[in-house]
Each structure stands twice: as C-alpha cells, then as structure tokens.
PDB file of all heavy atoms in Angstrom:
ATOM      1  N   GLY A   1     -18.232  -1.430  -9.785  1.00  0.00           N
ATOM      2  CA  GLY A   1     -18.592  -2.243 -10.941  1.00  0.00           C
ATOM      3  C   GLY A   1     -17.363  -2.679 -11.726  1.00  0.00           C
ATOM      4  O   GLY A   1     -17.251  -3.837 -12.156  1.00  0.00           O
ATOM      5  N   ALA A   2     -16.417  -1.758 -11.897  1.00  0.00           N
ATOM      6  CA  ALA A   2     -15.194  -2.076 -12.641  1.00  0.00           C
ATOM      7  C   ALA A   2     -14.387  -3.141 -11.917  1.00  0.00           C
ATOM      8  O   ALA A   2     -13.860  -4.071 -12.544  1.00  0.00           O
ATOM      9  CB  ALA A   2     -14.372  -0.803 -12.836  1.00  0.00           C
ATOM     10  N   GLU A   3     -14.292  -3.031 -10.606  1.00  0.00           N
ATOM     11  CA  GLU A   3     -13.510  -4.003  -9.846  1.00  0.00           C
ATOM     12  C   GLU A   3     -14.111  -5.397  -9.962  1.00  0.00           C
ATOM     13  O   GLU A   3     -13.388  -6.391 -10.089  1.00  0.00           O
ATOM     14  CB  GLU A   3     -13.421  -3.587  -8.373  1.00  0.00           C
ATOM     15  CG  GLU A   3     -12.571  -4.532  -7.550  1.00  0.00           C
ATOM     16  CD  GLU A   3     -12.396  -4.098  -6.105  1.00  0.00           C
ATOM     17  OE1 GLU A   3     -12.460  -2.886  -5.826  1.00  0.00           O
ATOM     18  OE2 GLU A   3     -12.204  -4.989  -5.249  1.00  0.00           O
ATOM     19  N   ARG A   4     -15.430  -5.481  -9.967  1.00  0.00           N
ATOM     20  CA  ARG A   4     -16.039  -6.811 -10.051  1.00  0.00           C
ATOM     21  C   ARG A   4     -15.773  -7.435 -11.427  1.00  0.00           C
ATOM     22  O   ARG A   4     -15.574  -8.644 -11.542  1.00  0.00           O
ATOM     23  CB  ARG A   4     -17.541  -6.729  -9.776  1.00  0.00           C
ATOM     24  CG  ARG A   4     -18.117  -8.120  -9.469  1.00  0.00           C
ATOM     25  CD  ARG A   4     -19.426  -8.114  -8.769  1.00  0.00           C
ATOM     26  NE  ARG A   4     -19.640  -9.425  -8.148  1.00  0.00           N
ATOM     27  CZ  ARG A   4     -20.823  -9.914  -7.805  1.00  0.00           C
ATOM     28  NH1 ARG A   4     -21.922  -9.190  -7.984  1.00  0.00           N
ATOM     29  NH2 ARG A   4     -20.919 -11.109  -7.256  1.00  0.00           N
ATOM     30  N   CYS A   5     -15.740  -6.616 -12.466  1.00  0.00           N
ATOM     31  CA  CYS A   5     -15.398  -7.140 -13.786  1.00  0.00           C
ATOM     32  C   CYS A   5     -13.961  -7.666 -13.811  1.00  0.00           C
ATOM     33  O   CYS A   5     -13.682  -8.745 -14.343  1.00  0.00           O
ATOM     34  CB  CYS A   5     -15.558  -6.043 -14.843  1.00  0.00           C
ATOM     35  SG  CYS A   5     -17.259  -5.544 -15.140  1.00  0.00           S
ATOM     36  N   LEU A   6     -13.052  -6.906 -13.209  1.00  0.00           N
ATOM     37  CA  LEU A   6     -11.645  -7.303 -13.223  1.00  0.00           C
ATOM     38  C   LEU A   6     -11.424  -8.580 -12.422  1.00  0.00           C
ATOM     39  O   LEU A   6     -10.754  -9.511 -12.898  1.00  0.00           O
ATOM     40  CB  LEU A   6     -10.783  -6.169 -12.669  1.00  0.00           C
ATOM     41  CG  LEU A   6      -9.281  -6.452 -12.564  1.00  0.00           C
ATOM     42  CD1 LEU A   6      -8.701  -6.824 -13.917  1.00  0.00           C
ATOM     43  CD2 LEU A   6      -8.554  -5.239 -11.984  1.00  0.00           C
ATOM     44  N   VAL A   7     -11.967  -8.655 -11.230  1.00  0.00           N
ATOM     45  CA  VAL A   7     -11.756  -9.845 -10.412  1.00  0.00           C
ATOM     46  C   VAL A   7     -12.417 -11.062 -11.050  1.00  0.00           C
ATOM     47  O   VAL A   7     -11.929 -12.193 -10.930  1.00  0.00           O
ATOM     48  CB  VAL A   7     -12.245  -9.607  -8.964  1.00  0.00           C
ATOM     49  CG1 VAL A   7     -13.754  -9.662  -8.858  1.00  0.00           C
ATOM     50  CG2 VAL A   7     -11.618 -10.620  -8.013  1.00  0.00           C
ATOM     51  N   SER A   8     -13.498 -10.850 -11.791  1.00  0.00           N
ATOM     52  CA  SER A   8     -14.149 -11.959 -12.501  1.00  0.00           C
ATOM     53  C   SER A   8     -13.250 -12.484 -13.618  1.00  0.00           C
ATOM     54  O   SER A   8     -13.128 -13.696 -13.817  1.00  0.00           O
ATOM     55  CB  SER A   8     -15.486 -11.505 -13.073  1.00  0.00           C
ATOM     56  OG  SER A   8     -16.380 -11.113 -12.049  1.00  0.00           O
ATOM     57  N   ALA A   9     -12.603 -11.574 -14.350  1.00  0.00           N
ATOM     58  CA  ALA A   9     -11.694 -11.994 -15.421  1.00  0.00           C
ATOM     59  C   ALA A   9     -10.520 -12.779 -14.849  1.00  0.00           C
ATOM     60  O   ALA A   9     -10.108 -13.811 -15.407  1.00  0.00           O
ATOM     61  CB  ALA A   9     -11.199 -10.770 -16.190  1.00  0.00           C
ATOM     62  N   ILE A  10      -9.984 -12.324 -13.717  1.00  0.00           N
ATOM     63  CA  ILE A  10      -8.867 -13.028 -13.095  1.00  0.00           C
ATOM     64  C   ILE A  10      -9.313 -14.403 -12.606  1.00  0.00           C
ATOM     65  O   ILE A  10      -8.619 -15.404 -12.774  1.00  0.00           O
ATOM     66  CB  ILE A  10      -8.293 -12.189 -11.940  1.00  0.00           C
ATOM     67  CG1 ILE A  10      -7.697 -10.887 -12.480  1.00  0.00           C
ATOM     68  CG2 ILE A  10      -7.242 -12.978 -11.161  1.00  0.00           C
ATOM     69  CD1 ILE A  10      -7.326  -9.873 -11.416  1.00  0.00           C
ATOM     70  N   GLU A  11     -10.510 -14.468 -12.028  1.00  0.00           N
ATOM     71  CA  GLU A  11     -11.055 -15.730 -11.526  1.00  0.00           C
ATOM     72  C   GLU A  11     -11.261 -16.733 -12.653  1.00  0.00           C
ATOM     73  O   GLU A  11     -11.108 -17.944 -12.461  1.00  0.00           O
ATOM     74  CB  GLU A  11     -12.387 -15.463 -10.808  1.00  0.00           C
ATOM     75  CG  GLU A  11     -13.034 -16.675 -10.186  1.00  0.00           C
ATOM     76  CD  GLU A  11     -12.297 -17.195  -8.965  1.00  0.00           C
ATOM     77  OE1 GLU A  11     -11.447 -16.464  -8.421  1.00  0.00           O
ATOM     78  OE2 GLU A  11     -12.557 -18.340  -8.556  1.00  0.00           O
ATOM     79  N   LEU A  12     -11.573 -16.253 -13.844  1.00  0.00           N
ATOM     80  CA  LEU A  12     -11.774 -17.129 -14.993  1.00  0.00           C
ATOM     81  C   LEU A  12     -10.462 -17.727 -15.500  1.00  0.00           C
ATOM     82  O   LEU A  12     -10.468 -18.609 -16.365  1.00  0.00           O
ATOM     83  CB  LEU A  12     -12.451 -16.372 -16.135  1.00  0.00           C
ATOM     84  CG  LEU A  12     -13.951 -16.114 -16.002  1.00  0.00           C
ATOM     85  CD1 LEU A  12     -14.434 -15.213 -17.131  1.00  0.00           C
ATOM     86  CD2 LEU A  12     -14.725 -17.430 -16.010  1.00  0.00           C
ATOM     87  N   GLY A  13      -9.332 -17.242 -14.980  1.00  0.00           N
ATOM     88  CA  GLY A  13      -8.041 -17.757 -15.421  1.00  0.00           C
ATOM     89  C   GLY A  13      -7.563 -17.159 -16.722  1.00  0.00           C
ATOM     90  O   GLY A  13      -6.793 -17.786 -17.459  1.00  0.00           O
ATOM     91  N   VAL A  14      -8.001 -15.928 -16.993  1.00  0.00           N
ATOM     92  CA  VAL A  14      -7.588 -15.249 -18.219  1.00  0.00           C
ATOM     93  C   VAL A  14      -6.070 -15.064 -18.218  1.00  0.00           C
ATOM     94  O   VAL A  14      -5.454 -14.824 -17.174  1.00  0.00           O
ATOM     95  CB  VAL A  14      -8.304 -13.878 -18.328  1.00  0.00           C
ATOM     96  CG1 VAL A  14      -7.746 -13.059 -19.466  1.00  0.00           C
ATOM     97  CG2 VAL A  14      -9.802 -14.099 -18.509  1.00  0.00           C
ATOM     98  N   GLU A  15      -5.439 -15.177 -19.395  1.00  0.00           N
ATOM     99  CA  GLU A  15      -3.989 -15.056 -19.514  1.00  0.00           C
ATOM    100  C   GLU A  15      -3.517 -13.698 -18.990  1.00  0.00           C
ATOM    101  O   GLU A  15      -4.204 -12.688 -19.104  1.00  0.00           O
ATOM    102  CB  GLU A  15      -3.573 -15.197 -20.979  1.00  0.00           C
ATOM    103  CG  GLU A  15      -3.785 -16.580 -21.564  1.00  0.00           C
ATOM    104  CD  GLU A  15      -2.811 -17.599 -20.980  1.00  0.00           C
ATOM    105  OE1 GLU A  15      -1.700 -17.188 -20.578  1.00  0.00           O
ATOM    106  OE2 GLU A  15      -3.162 -18.787 -20.927  1.00  0.00           O
ATOM    107  N   ARG A  16      -2.305 -13.704 -18.437  1.00  0.00           N
ATOM    108  CA  ARG A  16      -1.752 -12.493 -17.846  1.00  0.00           C
ATOM    109  C   ARG A  16      -1.691 -11.346 -18.851  1.00  0.00           C
ATOM    110  O   ARG A  16      -1.974 -10.193 -18.514  1.00  0.00           O
ATOM    111  CB  ARG A  16      -0.347 -12.778 -17.294  1.00  0.00           C
ATOM    112  CG  ARG A  16      -0.336 -13.787 -16.155  1.00  0.00           C
ATOM    113  CD  ARG A  16       1.087 -14.141 -15.759  1.00  0.00           C
ATOM    114  NE  ARG A  16       1.113 -15.184 -14.729  1.00  0.00           N
ATOM    115  CZ  ARG A  16       2.216 -15.685 -14.201  1.00  0.00           C
ATOM    116  NH1 ARG A  16       3.412 -15.235 -14.612  1.00  0.00           N
ATOM    117  NH2 ARG A  16       2.156 -16.632 -13.273  1.00  0.00           N
ATOM    118  N   GLN A  17      -1.280 -11.661 -20.080  1.00  0.00           N
ATOM    119  CA  GLN A  17      -1.179 -10.610 -21.096  1.00  0.00           C
ATOM    120  C   GLN A  17      -2.542  -9.985 -21.377  1.00  0.00           C
ATOM    121  O   GLN A  17      -2.646  -8.781 -21.599  1.00  0.00           O
ATOM    122  CB  GLN A  17      -0.588 -11.169 -22.389  1.00  0.00           C
ATOM    123  CG  GLN A  17       0.943 -11.187 -22.406  1.00  0.00           C
ATOM    124  CD  GLN A  17       1.471 -11.297 -23.826  1.00  0.00           C
ATOM    125  OE1 GLN A  17       0.910 -12.025 -24.647  1.00  0.00           O
ATOM    126  NE2 GLN A  17       2.528 -10.578 -24.127  1.00  0.00           N
ATOM    127  N   GLN A  18      -3.579 -10.812 -21.372  1.00  0.00           N
ATOM    128  CA  GLN A  18      -4.916 -10.284 -21.627  1.00  0.00           C
ATOM    129  C   GLN A  18      -5.385  -9.399 -20.484  1.00  0.00           C
ATOM    130  O   GLN A  18      -6.032  -8.367 -20.717  1.00  0.00           O
ATOM    131  CB  GLN A  18      -5.894 -11.443 -21.833  1.00  0.00           C
ATOM    132  CG  GLN A  18      -5.650 -12.234 -23.098  1.00  0.00           C
ATOM    133  CD  GLN A  18      -6.584 -13.443 -23.188  1.00  0.00           C
ATOM    134  OE1 GLN A  18      -6.500 -14.376 -22.386  1.00  0.00           O
ATOM    135  NE2 GLN A  18      -7.477 -13.417 -24.159  1.00  0.00           N
ATOM    136  N   ILE A  19      -5.041  -9.782 -19.256  1.00  0.00           N
ATOM    137  CA  ILE A  19      -5.383  -8.932 -18.119  1.00  0.00           C
ATOM    138  C   ILE A  19      -4.648  -7.608 -18.220  1.00  0.00           C
ATOM    139  O   ILE A  19      -5.229  -6.533 -18.002  1.00  0.00           O
ATOM    140  CB  ILE A  19      -5.034  -9.637 -16.796  1.00  0.00           C
ATOM    141  CG1 ILE A  19      -5.918 -10.871 -16.593  1.00  0.00           C
ATOM    142  CG2 ILE A  19      -5.169  -8.681 -15.621  1.00  0.00           C
ATOM    143  CD1 ILE A  19      -7.388 -10.567 -16.413  1.00  0.00           C
ATOM    144  N   ALA A  20      -3.356  -7.665 -18.557  1.00  0.00           N
ATOM    145  CA  ALA A  20      -2.576  -6.434 -18.705  1.00  0.00           C
ATOM    146  C   ALA A  20      -3.171  -5.548 -19.795  1.00  0.00           C
ATOM    147  O   ALA A  20      -3.274  -4.320 -19.626  1.00  0.00           O
ATOM    148  CB  ALA A  20      -1.122  -6.771 -19.021  1.00  0.00           C
ATOM    149  N   GLN A  21      -3.570  -6.142 -20.896  1.00  0.00           N
ATOM    150  CA  GLN A  21      -4.153  -5.358 -21.988  1.00  0.00           C
ATOM    151  C   GLN A  21      -5.462  -4.705 -21.550  1.00  0.00           C
ATOM    152  O   GLN A  21      -5.751  -3.558 -21.902  1.00  0.00           O
ATOM    153  CB  GLN A  21      -4.390  -6.267 -23.196  1.00  0.00           C
ATOM    154  CG  GLN A  21      -4.967  -5.527 -24.394  1.00  0.00           C
ATOM    155  CD  GLN A  21      -4.865  -6.345 -25.664  1.00  0.00           C
ATOM    156  OE1 GLN A  21      -3.760  -6.708 -26.076  1.00  0.00           O
ATOM    157  NE2 GLN A  21      -6.001  -6.641 -26.277  1.00  0.00           N
ATOM    158  N   MET A  22      -6.248  -5.414 -20.775  1.00  0.00           N
ATOM    159  CA  MET A  22      -7.513  -4.885 -20.245  1.00  0.00           C
ATOM    160  C   MET A  22      -7.245  -3.631 -19.400  1.00  0.00           C
ATOM    161  O   MET A  22      -7.948  -2.611 -19.517  1.00  0.00           O
ATOM    162  CB  MET A  22      -8.185  -5.973 -19.419  1.00  0.00           C
ATOM    163  CG  MET A  22      -9.513  -5.636 -18.800  1.00  0.00           C
ATOM    164  SD  MET A  22     -10.172  -7.158 -18.012  1.00  0.00           S
ATOM    165  CE  MET A  22     -11.616  -6.509 -17.182  1.00  0.00           C
ATOM    166  N   LEU A  23      -6.210  -3.698 -18.563  1.00  0.00           N
ATOM    167  CA  LEU A  23      -5.871  -2.564 -17.709  1.00  0.00           C
ATOM    168  C   LEU A  23      -5.327  -1.406 -18.524  1.00  0.00           C
ATOM    169  O   LEU A  23      -5.725  -0.245 -18.329  1.00  0.00           O
ATOM    170  CB  LEU A  23      -4.840  -2.994 -16.665  1.00  0.00           C
ATOM    171  CG  LEU A  23      -5.280  -4.069 -15.675  1.00  0.00           C
ATOM    172  CD1 LEU A  23      -4.094  -4.510 -14.815  1.00  0.00           C
ATOM    173  CD2 LEU A  23      -6.409  -3.570 -14.786  1.00  0.00           C
ATOM    174  N   PHE A  24      -4.411  -1.703 -19.433  1.00  0.00           N
ATOM    175  CA  PHE A  24      -3.799  -0.638 -20.222  1.00  0.00           C
ATOM    176  C   PHE A  24      -4.810   0.056 -21.130  1.00  0.00           C
ATOM    177  O   PHE A  24      -4.691   1.246 -21.410  1.00  0.00           O
ATOM    178  CB  PHE A  24      -2.644  -1.187 -21.050  1.00  0.00           C
ATOM    179  CG  PHE A  24      -1.398  -1.476 -20.253  1.00  0.00           C
ATOM    180  CD1 PHE A  24      -0.703  -2.666 -20.442  1.00  0.00           C
ATOM    181  CD2 PHE A  24      -0.916  -0.567 -19.323  1.00  0.00           C
ATOM    182  CE1 PHE A  24       0.452  -2.934 -19.717  1.00  0.00           C
ATOM    183  CE2 PHE A  24       0.234  -0.828 -18.593  1.00  0.00           C
ATOM    184  CZ  PHE A  24       0.922  -2.012 -18.797  1.00  0.00           C
ATOM    185  N   ALA A  25      -5.800  -0.699 -21.593  1.00  0.00           N
ATOM    186  CA  ALA A  25      -6.843  -0.079 -22.416  1.00  0.00           C
ATOM    187  C   ALA A  25      -7.603   0.964 -21.610  1.00  0.00           C
ATOM    188  O   ALA A  25      -7.818   2.101 -22.066  1.00  0.00           O
ATOM    189  CB  ALA A  25      -7.797  -1.148 -22.945  1.00  0.00           C
ATOM    190  N   ALA A  26      -8.007   0.591 -20.412  1.00  0.00           N
ATOM    191  CA  ALA A  26      -8.775   1.523 -19.579  1.00  0.00           C
ATOM    192  C   ALA A  26      -7.959   2.737 -19.181  1.00  0.00           C
ATOM    193  O   ALA A  26      -8.480   3.861 -19.119  1.00  0.00           O
ATOM    194  CB  ALA A  26      -9.282   0.803 -18.331  1.00  0.00           C
ATOM    195  N   VAL A  27      -6.671   2.530 -18.919  1.00  0.00           N
ATOM    196  CA  VAL A  27      -5.857   3.616 -18.398  1.00  0.00           C
ATOM    197  C   VAL A  27      -5.395   4.574 -19.506  1.00  0.00           C
ATOM    198  O   VAL A  27      -4.864   5.649 -19.209  1.00  0.00           O
ATOM    199  CB  VAL A  27      -4.655   3.035 -17.613  1.00  0.00           C
ATOM    200  CG1 VAL A  27      -3.486   2.703 -18.496  1.00  0.00           C
ATOM    201  CG2 VAL A  27      -4.242   3.958 -16.485  1.00  0.00           C
ATOM    202  N   THR A  28      -5.605   4.200 -20.778  1.00  0.00           N
ATOM    203  CA  THR A  28      -5.280   5.119 -21.873  1.00  0.00           C
ATOM    204  C   THR A  28      -6.524   5.560 -22.648  1.00  0.00           C
ATOM    205  O   THR A  28      -6.400   6.192 -23.694  1.00  0.00           O
ATOM    206  CB  THR A  28      -4.265   4.479 -22.847  1.00  0.00           C
ATOM    207  OG1 THR A  28      -4.741   3.190 -23.275  1.00  0.00           O
ATOM    208  CG2 THR A  28      -2.908   4.334 -22.193  1.00  0.00           C
ATOM    209  N   ASP A  29      -7.705   5.226 -22.126  1.00  0.00           N
ATOM    210  CA  ASP A  29      -8.933   5.756 -22.736  1.00  0.00           C
ATOM    211  C   ASP A  29      -9.027   7.261 -22.532  1.00  0.00           C
ATOM    212  O   ASP A  29      -9.737   7.956 -23.268  1.00  0.00           O
ATOM    213  CB  ASP A  29     -10.171   5.083 -22.133  1.00  0.00           C
ATOM    214  CG  ASP A  29     -10.461   3.726 -22.758  1.00  0.00           C
ATOM    215  OD1 ASP A  29      -9.980   3.468 -23.884  1.00  0.00           O
ATOM    216  OD2 ASP A  29     -11.178   2.919 -22.125  1.00  0.00           O
ATOM    217  N   HIS A  30      -8.343   7.759 -21.518  1.00  0.00           N
ATOM    218  CA  HIS A  30      -8.296   9.202 -21.255  1.00  0.00           C
ATOM    219  C   HIS A  30      -6.845   9.638 -21.221  1.00  0.00           C
ATOM    220  O   HIS A  30      -5.927   8.824 -21.087  1.00  0.00           O
ATOM    221  CB  HIS A  30      -9.011   9.539 -19.950  1.00  0.00           C
ATOM    222  CG  HIS A  30     -10.487   9.318 -20.019  1.00  0.00           C
ATOM    223  ND1 HIS A  30     -11.351  10.219 -20.592  1.00  0.00           N
ATOM    224  CD2 HIS A  30     -11.249   8.263 -19.618  1.00  0.00           C
ATOM    225  CE1 HIS A  30     -12.592   9.762 -20.529  1.00  0.00           C
ATOM    226  NE2 HIS A  30     -12.563   8.559 -19.942  1.00  0.00           N
ATOM    227  N   ARG A  31      -6.646  10.940 -21.344  1.00  0.00           N
ATOM    228  CA  ARG A  31      -5.317  11.471 -21.538  1.00  0.00           C
ATOM    229  C   ARG A  31      -4.566  11.672 -20.237  1.00  0.00           C
ATOM    230  O   ARG A  31      -5.048  12.337 -19.314  1.00  0.00           O
ATOM    231  CB  ARG A  31      -5.376  12.809 -22.301  1.00  0.00           C
ATOM    232  CG  ARG A  31      -6.286  12.803 -23.549  1.00  0.00           C
ATOM    233  CD  ARG A  31      -5.598  12.196 -24.767  1.00  0.00           C
ATOM    234  NE  ARG A  31      -5.142  10.833 -24.607  1.00  0.00           N
ATOM    235  CZ  ARG A  31      -5.937   9.732 -24.678  1.00  0.00           C
ATOM    236  NH1 ARG A  31      -7.227   9.857 -24.897  1.00  0.00           N
ATOM    237  NH2 ARG A  31      -5.428   8.529 -24.535  1.00  0.00           N
ATOM    238  N   TYR A  32      -3.397  11.059 -20.149  1.00  0.00           N
ATOM    239  CA  TYR A  32      -2.369  11.343 -19.145  1.00  0.00           C
ATOM    240  C   TYR A  32      -2.958  11.419 -17.738  1.00  0.00           C
ATOM    241  O   TYR A  32      -2.841  12.414 -17.035  1.00  0.00           O
ATOM    242  CB  TYR A  32      -1.679  12.652 -19.516  1.00  0.00           C
ATOM    243  CG  TYR A  32      -0.329  12.894 -18.874  1.00  0.00           C
ATOM    244  CD1 TYR A  32       0.640  11.901 -18.852  1.00  0.00           C
ATOM    245  CD2 TYR A  32      -0.027  14.133 -18.321  1.00  0.00           C
ATOM    246  CE1 TYR A  32       1.886  12.149 -18.286  1.00  0.00           C
ATOM    247  CE2 TYR A  32       1.213  14.386 -17.747  1.00  0.00           C
ATOM    248  CZ  TYR A  32       2.170  13.388 -17.733  1.00  0.00           C
ATOM    249  OH  TYR A  32       3.401  13.637 -17.175  1.00  0.00           O
ATOM    250  N   LEU A  33      -3.617  10.322 -17.336  1.00  0.00           N
ATOM    251  CA  LEU A  33      -4.344  10.300 -16.067  1.00  0.00           C
ATOM    252  C   LEU A  33      -3.427  10.622 -14.894  1.00  0.00           C
ATOM    253  O   LEU A  33      -2.356  10.040 -14.730  1.00  0.00           O
ATOM    254  CB  LEU A  33      -4.975   8.925 -15.849  1.00  0.00           C
ATOM    255  CG  LEU A  33      -6.075   8.508 -16.838  1.00  0.00           C
ATOM    256  CD1 LEU A  33      -6.628   7.136 -16.453  1.00  0.00           C
ATOM    257  CD2 LEU A  33      -7.188   9.528 -16.908  1.00  0.00           C
ATOM    258  N   ASP A  34      -3.884  11.537 -14.064  1.00  0.00           N
ATOM    259  CA  ASP A  34      -3.155  11.950 -12.847  1.00  0.00           C
ATOM    260  C   ASP A  34      -1.681  12.232 -13.115  1.00  0.00           C
ATOM    261  O   ASP A  34      -0.799  11.800 -12.366  1.00  0.00           O
ATOM    262  CB  ASP A  34      -3.296  10.895 -11.742  1.00  0.00           C
ATOM    263  CG  ASP A  34      -4.501  11.165 -10.846  1.00  0.00           C
ATOM    264  OD1 ASP A  34      -5.099  12.250 -10.949  1.00  0.00           O
ATOM    265  OD2 ASP A  34      -4.840  10.286 -10.041  1.00  0.00           O
ATOM    266  N   GLY A  35      -1.431  12.970 -14.189  1.00  0.00           N
ATOM    267  CA  GLY A  35      -0.058  13.343 -14.487  1.00  0.00           C
ATOM    268  C   GLY A  35       0.856  12.164 -14.741  1.00  0.00           C
ATOM    269  O   GLY A  35       2.070  12.233 -14.494  1.00  0.00           O
ATOM    270  N   GLY A  36       0.287  11.077 -15.248  1.00  0.00           N
ATOM    271  CA  GLY A  36       1.083   9.896 -15.581  1.00  0.00           C
ATOM    272  C   GLY A  36       1.160   8.854 -14.490  1.00  0.00           C
ATOM    273  O   GLY A  36       1.574   7.715 -14.729  1.00  0.00           O
TER     274      GLY A  36
END
C-alpha cells in the first residue's frame, strides 16, 4: 500500500523536495530504524 502511494506521488510530478520530505517523514516517525 505504501509503495503504491509513493509511485502515485511520483507519477503526479510532485517536486523532488516534496518527495524527499514524504520519505523523511515516514523514516523518522519511529526511532532510529534498523540502527540508522
């Protein structure tokens, strides 16, 4: 489900910074994932 959301955002032509922010938000919702 997450992958389909991400590929949809990229397909829409969302700005690179916004895509990066989307990823960084998810990866810091939890603490120190997989030892960094």
